[in-house]
Amino acid sequence: MIIRIMGEGQIEVAPSDIEVLNSLDGELEAAIEAGDEPTFRVRLHALLDKVRHVGKALPDDSLEPSELILPPADASMEEVRGMLGDEGLIPG
């Protein structure tokens, strides 16, 4: 799966890593629903860090289509809320 982190680039993530990303996504979504800004910030950074850790960065000149787009690390809670689908940021 190709994931784009806005402002950073694309990362290829193995299907076997999607479950752990879904778990982190659920924690992020719960923080947004609770309106808990400090927890939201921690959860967003944890999700993005995990994507970077388990994935392989694609070259900047890669033209692969992104299957998912994640917000940048400095996104506001409202910006991320606007990006959430029925299944969070990472459908599973």
PDB file of N, CA and C in Angstrom:
ATOM      1  N   MET A   1       0.850  -1.176   0.000  1.00  0.00           N
ATOM      2  CA  MET A   1       0.000   0.000   0.000  1.00  0.00           C
ATOM      3  C   MET A   1       0.896   1.240   0.000  1.00  0.00           C
ATOM      4  N   ILE A   2       0.570   2.190  -0.852  1.00  0.00           N
ATOM      5  CA  ILE A   2       1.324   3.441  -0.921  1.00  0.00           C
ATOM      6  C   ILE A   2       0.577   4.496  -0.100  1.00  0.00           C
ATOM      7  N   ILE A   3       1.274   5.055   0.875  1.00  0.00           N
ATOM      8  CA  ILE A   3       0.705   6.080   1.749  1.00  0.00           C
ATOM      9  C   ILE A   3       1.485   7.372   1.553  1.00  0.00           C
ATOM     10  N   ARG A   4       0.773   8.459   1.374  1.00  0.00           N
ATOM     11  CA  ARG A   4       1.409   9.782   1.297  1.00  0.00           C
ATOM     12  C   ARG A   4       1.182  10.501   2.614  1.00  0.00           C
ATOM     13  N   ILE A   5       2.263  10.992   3.194  1.00  0.00           N
ATOM     14  CA  ILE A   5       2.160  11.897   4.338  1.00  0.00           C
ATOM     15  C   ILE A   5       2.302  13.294   3.753  1.00  0.00           C
ATOM     16  N   MET A   6       1.267  14.083   3.896  1.00  0.00           N
ATOM     17  CA  MET A   6       1.258  15.418   3.288  1.00  0.00           C
ATOM     18  C   MET A   6       2.495  16.199   3.699  1.00  0.00           C
ATOM     19  N   GLY A   7       3.165  16.772   2.713  1.00  0.00           N
ATOM     20  CA  GLY A   7       4.346  17.581   2.963  1.00  0.00           C
ATOM     21  C   GLY A   7       5.632  16.789   3.100  1.00  0.00           C
ATOM     22  N   GLU A   8       5.551  15.444   3.054  1.00  0.00           N
ATOM     23  CA  GLU A   8       6.746  14.621   3.230  1.00  0.00           C
ATOM     24  C   GLU A   8       7.055  13.743   2.038  1.00  0.00           C
ATOM     25  N   GLY A   9       6.058  13.096   1.481  1.00  0.00           N
ATOM     26  CA  GLY A   9       6.295  12.179   0.378  1.00  0.00           C
ATOM     27  C   GLY A   9       5.543  10.884   0.571  1.00  0.00           C
ATOM     28  N   GLN A  10       5.904   9.896  -0.257  1.00  0.00           N
ATOM     29  CA  GLN A  10       5.205   8.625  -0.261  1.00  0.00           C
ATOM     30  C   GLN A  10       6.021   7.532   0.423  1.00  0.00           C
ATOM     31  N   ILE A  11       5.287   6.621   1.057  1.00  0.00           N
ATOM     32  CA  ILE A  11       5.906   5.508   1.773  1.00  0.00           C
ATOM     33  C   ILE A  11       5.139   4.243   1.401  1.00  0.00           C
ATOM     34  N   GLU A  12       5.875   3.200   1.060  1.00  0.00           N
ATOM     35  CA  GLU A  12       5.245   1.917   0.763  1.00  0.00           C
ATOM     36  C   GLU A  12       5.196   1.083   2.038  1.00  0.00           C
ATOM     37  N   VAL A  13       3.996   0.638   2.394  1.00  0.00           N
ATOM     38  CA  VAL A  13       3.776  -0.128   3.620  1.00  0.00           C
ATOM     39  C   VAL A  13       3.240  -1.507   3.240  1.00  0.00           C
ATOM     40  N   ALA A  14       3.794  -2.531   3.851  1.00  0.00           N
ATOM     41  CA  ALA A  14       3.365  -3.908   3.589  1.00  0.00           C
ATOM     42  C   ALA A  14       1.961  -4.141   4.147  1.00  0.00           C
ATOM     43  N   PRO A  15       1.167  -4.967   3.474  1.00  0.00           N
ATOM     44  CA  PRO A  15      -0.182  -5.274   3.976  1.00  0.00           C
ATOM     45  C   PRO A  15      -0.174  -5.819   5.409  1.00  0.00           C
ATOM     46  N   SER A  16       0.876  -6.515   5.774  1.00  0.00           N
ATOM     47  CA  SER A  16       0.949  -7.093   7.126  1.00  0.00           C
ATOM     48  C   SER A  16       1.074  -6.024   8.216  1.00  0.00           C
ATOM     49  N   ASP A  17       1.437  -4.806   7.853  1.00  0.00           N
ATOM     50  CA  ASP A  17       1.584  -3.727   8.831  1.00  0.00           C
ATOM     51  C   ASP A  17       0.320  -2.886   8.991  1.00  0.00           C
ATOM     52  N   ILE A  18      -0.674  -3.121   8.159  1.00  0.00           N
ATOM     53  CA  ILE A  18      -1.879  -2.290   8.189  1.00  0.00           C
ATOM     54  C   ILE A  18      -2.653  -2.461   9.495  1.00  0.00           C
ATOM     55  N   GLU A  19      -2.671  -3.651  10.064  1.00  0.00           N
ATOM     56  CA  GLU A  19      -3.434  -3.882  11.294  1.00  0.00           C
ATOM     57  C   GLU A  19      -2.938  -3.001  12.444  1.00  0.00           C
ATOM     58  N   VAL A  20      -1.617  -2.916  12.617  1.00  0.00           N
ATOM     59  CA  VAL A  20      -1.084  -2.073  13.695  1.00  0.00           C
ATOM     60  C   VAL A  20      -1.368  -0.596  13.404  1.00  0.00           C
ATOM     61  N   LEU A  21      -1.338  -0.216  12.136  1.00  0.00           N
ATOM     62  CA  LEU A  21      -1.664   1.168  11.782  1.00  0.00           C
ATOM     63  C   LEU A  21      -3.134   1.451  12.062  1.00  0.00           C
ATOM     64  N   ASN A  22      -4.009   0.487  11.809  1.00  0.00           N
ATOM     65  CA  ASN A  22      -5.429   0.647  12.117  1.00  0.00           C
ATOM     66  C   ASN A  22      -5.656   0.847  13.606  1.00  0.00           C
ATOM     67  N   SER A  23      -4.907   0.142  14.426  1.00  0.00           N
ATOM     68  CA  SER A  23      -5.025   0.282  15.873  1.00  0.00           C
ATOM     69  C   SER A  23      -4.654   1.702  16.304  1.00  0.00           C
ATOM     70  N   LEU A  24      -3.541   2.198  15.778  1.00  0.00           N
ATOM     71  CA  LEU A  24      -3.114   3.569  16.101  1.00  0.00           C
ATOM     72  C   LEU A  24      -4.122   4.590  15.573  1.00  0.00           C
ATOM     73  N   ASP A  25      -4.674   4.318  14.407  1.00  0.00           N
ATOM     74  CA  ASP A  25      -5.688   5.184  13.822  1.00  0.00           C
ATOM     75  C   ASP A  25      -6.917   5.254  14.723  1.00  0.00           C
ATOM     76  N   GLY A  26      -7.315   4.111  15.287  1.00  0.00           N
ATOM     77  CA  GLY A  26      -8.456   4.086  16.192  1.00  0.00           C
ATOM     78  C   GLY A  26      -8.215   4.926  17.439  1.00  0.00           C
ATOM     79  N   GLU A  27      -7.003   4.868  17.964  1.00  0.00           N
ATOM     80  CA  GLU A  27      -6.653   5.676  19.144  1.00  0.00           C
ATOM     81  C   GLU A  27      -6.682   7.169  18.796  1.00  0.00           C
ATOM     82  N   LEU A  28      -6.219   7.500  17.599  1.00  0.00           N
ATOM     83  CA  LEU A  28      -6.240   8.893  17.140  1.00  0.00           C
ATOM     84  C   LEU A  28      -7.684   9.375  17.011  1.00  0.00           C
ATOM     85  N   GLU A  29      -8.515   8.545  16.410  1.00  0.00           N
ATOM     86  CA  GLU A  29      -9.919   8.902  16.224  1.00  0.00           C
ATOM     87  C   GLU A  29     -10.617   9.094  17.573  1.00  0.00           C
ATOM     88  N   ALA A  30     -10.311   8.247  18.542  1.00  0.00           N
ATOM     89  CA  ALA A  30     -10.913   8.376  19.872  1.00  0.00           C
ATOM     90  C   ALA A  30     -10.512   9.696  20.531  1.00  0.00           C
ATOM     91  N   ALA A  31      -9.268  10.100  20.370  1.00  0.00           N
ATOM     92  CA  ALA A  31      -8.813  11.374  20.936  1.00  0.00           C
ATOM     93  C   ALA A  31      -9.538  12.544  20.290  1.00  0.00           C
ATOM     94  N   ILE A  32      -9.774  12.455  18.979  1.00  0.00           N
ATOM     95  CA  ILE A  32     -10.508  13.520  18.279  1.00  0.00           C
ATOM     96  C   ILE A  32     -11.940  13.583  18.786  1.00  0.00           C
ATOM     97  N   GLU A  33     -12.586  12.428  18.889  1.00  0.00           N
ATOM     98  CA  GLU A  33     -13.970  12.386  19.369  1.00  0.00           C
ATOM     99  C   GLU A  33     -14.094  12.938  20.784  1.00  0.00           C
ATOM    100  N   ALA A  34     -13.064  12.719  21.608  1.00  0.00           N
ATOM    101  CA  ALA A  34     -13.073  13.209  22.986  1.00  0.00           C
ATOM    102  C   ALA A  34     -12.673  14.683  23.072  1.00  0.00           C
ATOM    103  N   GLY A  35     -12.181  15.249  21.959  1.00  0.00           N
ATOM    104  CA  GLY A  35     -11.721  16.638  21.982  1.00  0.00           C
ATOM    105  C   GLY A  35     -10.459  16.819  22.812  1.00  0.00           C
ATOM    106  N   ASP A  36      -9.669  15.758  22.933  1.00  0.00           N
ATOM    107  CA  ASP A  36      -8.468  15.750  23.777  1.00  0.00           C
ATOM    108  C   ASP A  36      -7.242  16.112  22.936  1.00  0.00           C
ATOM    109  N   GLU A  37      -6.930  17.399  22.900  1.00  0.00           N
ATOM    110  CA  GLU A  37      -5.824  17.904  22.068  1.00  0.00           C
ATOM    111  C   GLU A  37      -4.478  17.282  22.415  1.00  0.00           C
ATOM    112  N   PRO A  38      -4.072  17.209  23.694  1.00  0.00           N
ATOM    113  CA  PRO A  38      -2.756  16.619  23.989  1.00  0.00           C
ATOM    114  C   PRO A  38      -2.645  15.161  23.540  1.00  0.00           C
ATOM    115  N   THR A  39      -3.681  14.369  23.779  1.00  0.00           N
ATOM    116  CA  THR A  39      -3.658  12.972  23.356  1.00  0.00           C
ATOM    117  C   THR A  39      -3.703  12.877  21.840  1.00  0.00           C
ATOM    118  N   PHE A  40      -4.500  13.732  21.202  1.00  0.00           N
ATOM    119  CA  PHE A  40      -4.554  13.781  19.737  1.00  0.00           C
ATOM    120  C   PHE A  40      -3.155  13.974  19.162  1.00  0.00           C
ATOM    121  N   ARG A  41      -2.425  14.937  19.702  1.00  0.00           N
ATOM    122  CA  ARG A  41      -1.084  15.254  19.194  1.00  0.00           C
ATOM    123  C   ARG A  41      -0.160  14.033  19.335  1.00  0.00           C
ATOM    124  N   VAL A  42      -0.186  13.380  20.499  1.00  0.00           N
ATOM    125  CA  VAL A  42       0.648  12.194  20.736  1.00  0.00           C
ATOM    126  C   VAL A  42       0.264  11.079  19.762  1.00  0.00           C
ATOM    127  N   ARG A  43      -1.038  10.840  19.590  1.00  0.00           N
ATOM    128  CA  ARG A  43      -1.510   9.756  18.725  1.00  0.00           C
ATOM    129  C   ARG A  43      -1.198  10.022  17.252  1.00  0.00           C
ATOM    130  N   LEU A  44      -1.324  11.273  16.818  1.00  0.00           N
ATOM    131  CA  LEU A  44      -0.997  11.605  15.425  1.00  0.00           C
ATOM    132  C   LEU A  44       0.477  11.342  15.163  1.00  0.00           C
ATOM    133  N   HIS A  45       1.332  11.799  16.060  1.00  0.00           N
ATOM    134  CA  HIS A  45       2.773  11.573  15.888  1.00  0.00           C
ATOM    135  C   HIS A  45       3.111  10.087  15.932  1.00  0.00           C
ATOM    136  N   ALA A  46       2.433   9.326  16.794  1.00  0.00           N
ATOM    137  CA  ALA A  46       2.678   7.886  16.885  1.00  0.00           C
ATOM    138  C   ALA A  46       2.301   7.192  15.573  1.00  0.00           C
ATOM    139  N   LEU A  47       1.172   7.571  14.993  1.00  0.00           N
ATOM    140  CA  LEU A  47       0.738   6.982  13.732  1.00  0.00           C
ATOM    141  C   LEU A  47       1.733   7.297  12.616  1.00  0.00           C
ATOM    142  N   LEU A  48       2.100   8.556  12.489  1.00  0.00           N
ATOM    143  CA  LEU A  48       3.031   8.951  11.424  1.00  0.00           C
ATOM    144  C   LEU A  48       4.400   8.309  11.625  1.00  0.00           C
ATOM    145  N   ASP A  49       4.868   8.259  12.864  1.00  0.00           N
ATOM    146  CA  ASP A  49       6.167   7.626  13.144  1.00  0.00           C
ATOM    147  C   ASP A  49       6.145   6.149  12.782  1.00  0.00           C
ATOM    148  N   LYS A  50       5.031   5.466  13.072  1.00  0.00           N
ATOM    149  CA  LYS A  50       4.922   4.035  12.758  1.00  0.00           C
ATOM    150  C   LYS A  50       4.920   3.817  11.241  1.00  0.00           C
ATOM    151  N   VAL A  51       4.213   4.667  10.511  1.00  0.00           N
ATOM    152  CA  VAL A  51       4.224   4.559   9.043  1.00  0.00           C
ATOM    153  C   VAL A  51       5.651   4.715   8.534  1.00  0.00           C
ATOM    154  N   ARG A  52       6.365   5.702   9.043  1.00  0.00           N
ATOM    155  CA  ARG A  52       7.750   5.924   8.606  1.00  0.00           C
ATOM    156  C   ARG A  52       8.642   4.736   8.977  1.00  0.00           C
ATOM    157  N   HIS A  53       8.388   4.147  10.149  1.00  0.00           N
ATOM    158  CA  HIS A  53       9.231   3.063  10.650  1.00  0.00           C
ATOM    159  C   HIS A  53       9.014   1.756   9.881  1.00  0.00           C
ATOM    160  N   VAL A  54       7.762   1.382   9.652  1.00  0.00           N
ATOM    161  CA  VAL A  54       7.490   0.103   8.996  1.00  0.00           C
ATOM    162  C   VAL A  54       7.551   0.193   7.471  1.00  0.00           C
ATOM    163  N   GLY A  55       7.447   1.407   6.957  1.00  0.00           N
ATOM    164  CA  GLY A  55       7.407   1.572   5.511  1.00  0.00           C
ATOM    165  C   GLY A  55       8.756   1.880   4.895  1.00  0.00           C
ATOM    166  N   LYS A  56       8.744   1.888   3.578  1.00  0.00           N
ATOM    167  CA  LYS A  56       9.937   2.201   2.794  1.00  0.00           C
ATOM    168  C   LYS A  56       9.632   3.454   1.983  1.00  0.00           C
ATOM    169  N   ALA A  57      10.416   4.503   2.203  1.00  0.00           N
ATOM    170  CA  ALA A  57      10.200   5.758   1.485  1.00  0.00           C
ATOM    171  C   ALA A  57      10.444   5.552  -0.006  1.00  0.00           C
ATOM    172  N   LEU A  58       9.531   6.077  -0.816  1.00  0.00           N
ATOM    173  CA  LEU A  58       9.697   6.024  -2.258  1.00  0.00           C
ATOM    174  C   LEU A  58      10.483   7.256  -2.711  1.00  0.00           C
ATOM    175  N   PRO A  59      11.204   7.153  -3.819  1.00  0.00           N
ATOM    176  CA  PRO A  59      11.951   8.311  -4.314  1.00  0.00           C
ATOM    177  C   PRO A  59      11.014   9.481  -4.602  1.00  0.00           C
ATOM    178  N   ASP A  60      11.524  10.683  -4.442  1.00  0.00           N
ATOM    179  CA  ASP A  60      10.716  11.884  -4.675  1.00  0.00           C
ATOM    180  C   ASP A  60      10.144  11.940  -6.085  1.00  0.00           C
ATOM    181  N   ASP A  61      10.846  11.345  -7.050  1.00  0.00           N
ATOM    182  CA  ASP A  61      10.378  11.397  -8.435  1.00  0.00           C
ATOM    183  C   ASP A  61       9.442  10.237  -8.789  1.00  0.00           C
ATOM    184  N   SER A  62       9.063   9.440  -7.796  1.00  0.00           N
ATOM    185  CA  SER A  62       8.146   8.321  -8.015  1.00  0.00           C
ATOM    186  C   SER A  62       6.762   8.847  -8.397  1.00  0.00           C
ATOM    187  N   LEU A  63       6.132   8.178  -9.342  1.00  0.00           N
ATOM    188  CA  LEU A  63       4.810   8.603  -9.802  1.00  0.00           C
ATOM    189  C   LEU A  63       3.721   7.604  -9.416  1.00  0.00           C
ATOM    190  N   GLU A  64       3.965   6.827  -8.370  1.00  0.00           N
ATOM    191  CA  GLU A  64       2.983   5.855  -7.900  1.00  0.00           C
ATOM    192  C   GLU A  64       1.767   6.586  -7.322  1.00  0.00           C
ATOM    193  N   PRO A  65       0.554   6.099  -7.617  1.00  0.00           N
ATOM    194  CA  PRO A  65      -0.631   6.717  -6.996  1.00  0.00           C
ATOM    195  C   PRO A  65      -0.704   6.356  -5.513  1.00  0.00           C
ATOM    196  N   SER A  66      -1.051   7.319  -4.689  1.00  0.00           N
ATOM    197  CA  SER A  66      -1.193   7.084  -3.246  1.00  0.00           C
ATOM    198  C   SER A  66      -2.557   6.479  -2.973  1.00  0.00           C
ATOM    199  N   GLU A  67      -2.564   5.389  -2.198  1.00  0.00           N
ATOM    200  CA  GLU A  67      -3.826   4.762  -1.829  1.00  0.00           C
ATOM    201  C   GLU A  67      -4.441   5.429  -0.604  1.00  0.00           C
ATOM    202  N   LEU A  68      -3.595   6.015   0.236  1.00  0.00           N
ATOM    203  CA  LEU A  68      -4.046   6.747   1.415  1.00  0.00           C
ATOM    204  C   LEU A  68      -3.246   8.035   1.532  1.00  0.00           C
ATOM    205  N   ILE A  69      -3.885   9.057   2.060  1.00  0.00           N
ATOM    206  CA  ILE A  69      -3.199  10.313   2.328  1.00  0.00           C
ATOM    207  C   ILE A  69      -3.388  10.630   3.799  1.00  0.00           C
ATOM    208  N   LEU A  70      -2.260  10.819   4.494  1.00  0.00           N
ATOM    209  CA  LEU A  70      -2.291  11.153   5.915  1.00  0.00           C
ATOM    210  C   LEU A  70      -1.910  12.615   6.106  1.00  0.00           C
ATOM    211  N   PRO A  71      -2.426  13.229   7.157  1.00  0.00           N
ATOM    212  CA  PRO A  71      -2.126  14.639   7.412  1.00  0.00           C
ATOM    213  C   PRO A  71      -0.675  14.812   7.866  1.00  0.00           C
ATOM    214  N   PRO A  72      -0.158  16.039   7.745  1.00  0.00           N
ATOM    215  CA  PRO A  72       1.178  16.301   8.259  1.00  0.00           C
ATOM    216  C   PRO A  72       1.178  16.301   9.785  1.00  0.00           C
ATOM    217  N   ALA A  73       2.363  16.197  10.370  1.00  0.00           N
ATOM    218  CA  ALA A  73       2.505  16.129  11.826  1.00  0.00           C
ATOM    219  C   ALA A  73       1.960  17.372  12.531  1.00  0.00           C
ATOM    220  N   ASP A  74       1.955  18.502  11.843  1.00  0.00           N
ATOM    221  CA  ASP A  74       1.495  19.742  12.474  1.00  0.00           C
ATOM    222  C   ASP A  74       0.021  20.055  12.183  1.00  0.00           C
ATOM    223  N   ALA A  75      -0.714  19.090  11.642  1.00  0.00           N
ATOM    224  CA  ALA A  75      -2.135  19.302  11.337  1.00  0.00           C
ATOM    225  C   ALA A  75      -2.925  19.550  12.619  1.00  0.00           C
ATOM    226  N   SER A  76      -3.952  20.357  12.498  1.00  0.00           N
ATOM    227  CA  SER A  76      -4.817  20.618  13.651  1.00  0.00           C
ATOM    228  C   SER A  76      -5.838  19.487  13.790  1.00  0.00           C
ATOM    229  N   MET A  77      -6.442  19.419  14.958  1.00  0.00           N
ATOM    230  CA  MET A  77      -7.462  18.409  15.202  1.00  0.00           C
ATOM    231  C   MET A  77      -8.615  18.594  14.210  1.00  0.00           C
ATOM    232  N   GLU A  78      -8.996  19.817  13.915  1.00  0.00           N
ATOM    233  CA  GLU A  78     -10.085  20.072  12.969  1.00  0.00           C
ATOM    234  C   GLU A  78      -9.723  19.620  11.556  1.00  0.00           C
ATOM    235  N   GLU A  79      -8.476  19.838  11.150  1.00  0.00           N
ATOM    236  CA  GLU A  79      -8.044  19.393   9.823  1.00  0.00           C
ATOM    237  C   GLU A  79      -8.118  17.873   9.717  1.00  0.00           C
ATOM    238  N   VAL A  80      -7.661  17.186  10.750  1.00  0.00           N
ATOM    239  CA  VAL A  80      -7.690  15.724  10.733  1.00  0.00           C
ATOM    240  C   VAL A  80      -9.127  15.225  10.803  1.00  0.00           C
ATOM    241  N   ARG A  81      -9.952  15.862  11.591  1.00  0.00           N
ATOM    242  CA  ARG A  81     -11.372  15.473  11.674  1.00  0.00           C
ATOM    243  C   ARG A  81     -12.002  15.538  10.278  1.00  0.00           C
ATOM    244  N   GLY A  82     -11.640  16.559   9.498  1.00  0.00           N
ATOM    245  CA  GLY A  82     -12.169  16.704   8.147  1.00  0.00           C
ATOM    246  C   GLY A  82     -11.686  15.628   7.185  1.00  0.00           C
ATOM    247  N   MET A  83     -10.569  14.981   7.500  1.00  0.00           N
ATOM    248  CA  MET A  83     -10.015  13.931   6.646  1.00  0.00           C
ATOM    249  C   MET A  83     -10.543  12.540   7.009  1.00  0.00           C
ATOM    250  N   LEU A  84     -11.148  12.410   8.180  1.00  0.00           N
ATOM    251  CA  LEU A  84     -11.609  11.101   8.640  1.00  0.00           C
ATOM    252  C   LEU A  84     -12.746  10.582   7.772  1.00  0.00           C
ATOM    253  N   GLY A  85     -12.648   9.334   7.391  1.00  0.00           N
ATOM    254  CA  GLY A  85     -13.744   8.668   6.694  1.00  0.00           C
ATOM    255  C   GLY A  85     -14.537   7.850   7.702  1.00  0.00           C
ATOM    256  N   ASP A  86     -15.406   7.017   7.193  1.00  0.00           N
ATOM    257  CA  ASP A  86     -16.201   6.153   8.069  1.00  0.00           C
ATOM    258  C   ASP A  86     -15.326   5.179   8.848  1.00  0.00           C
ATOM    259  N   GLU A  87     -14.150   4.877   8.316  1.00  0.00           N
ATOM    260  CA  GLU A  87     -13.244   3.925   8.971  1.00  0.00           C
ATOM    261  C   GLU A  87     -11.976   4.597   9.463  1.00  0.00           C
ATOM    262  N   GLY A  88     -12.012   5.883   9.746  1.00  0.00           N
ATOM    263  CA  GLY A  88     -10.828   6.591  10.198  1.00  0.00           C
ATOM    264  C   GLY A  88      -9.967   7.009   9.021  1.00  0.00           C
ATOM    265  N   LEU A  89      -8.703   7.280   9.285  1.00  0.00           N
ATOM    266  CA  LEU A  89      -7.776   7.664   8.229  1.00  0.00           C
ATOM    267  C   LEU A  89      -7.330   6.454   7.416  1.00  0.00           C
ATOM    268  N   ILE A  90      -7.260   5.299   8.085  1.00  0.00           N
ATOM    269  CA  ILE A  90      -6.775   4.078   7.442  1.00  0.00           C
ATOM    270  C   ILE A  90      -7.901   3.056   7.437  1.00  0.00           C
ATOM    271  N   PRO A  91      -8.558   2.877   6.290  1.00  0.00           N
ATOM    272  CA  PRO A  91      -9.628   1.883   6.220  1.00  0.00           C
ATOM    273  C   PRO A  91      -9.080   0.484   6.473  1.00  0.00           C
ATOM    274  N   GLY A  92      -9.850  -0.324   7.112  1.00  0.00           N
ATOM    275  CA  GLY A  92      -9.352  -1.651   7.395  1.00  0.00           C
ATOM    276  C   GLY A  92     -10.405  -2.658   7.276  1.00  0.00           C
TER     277      GLY A  92
END
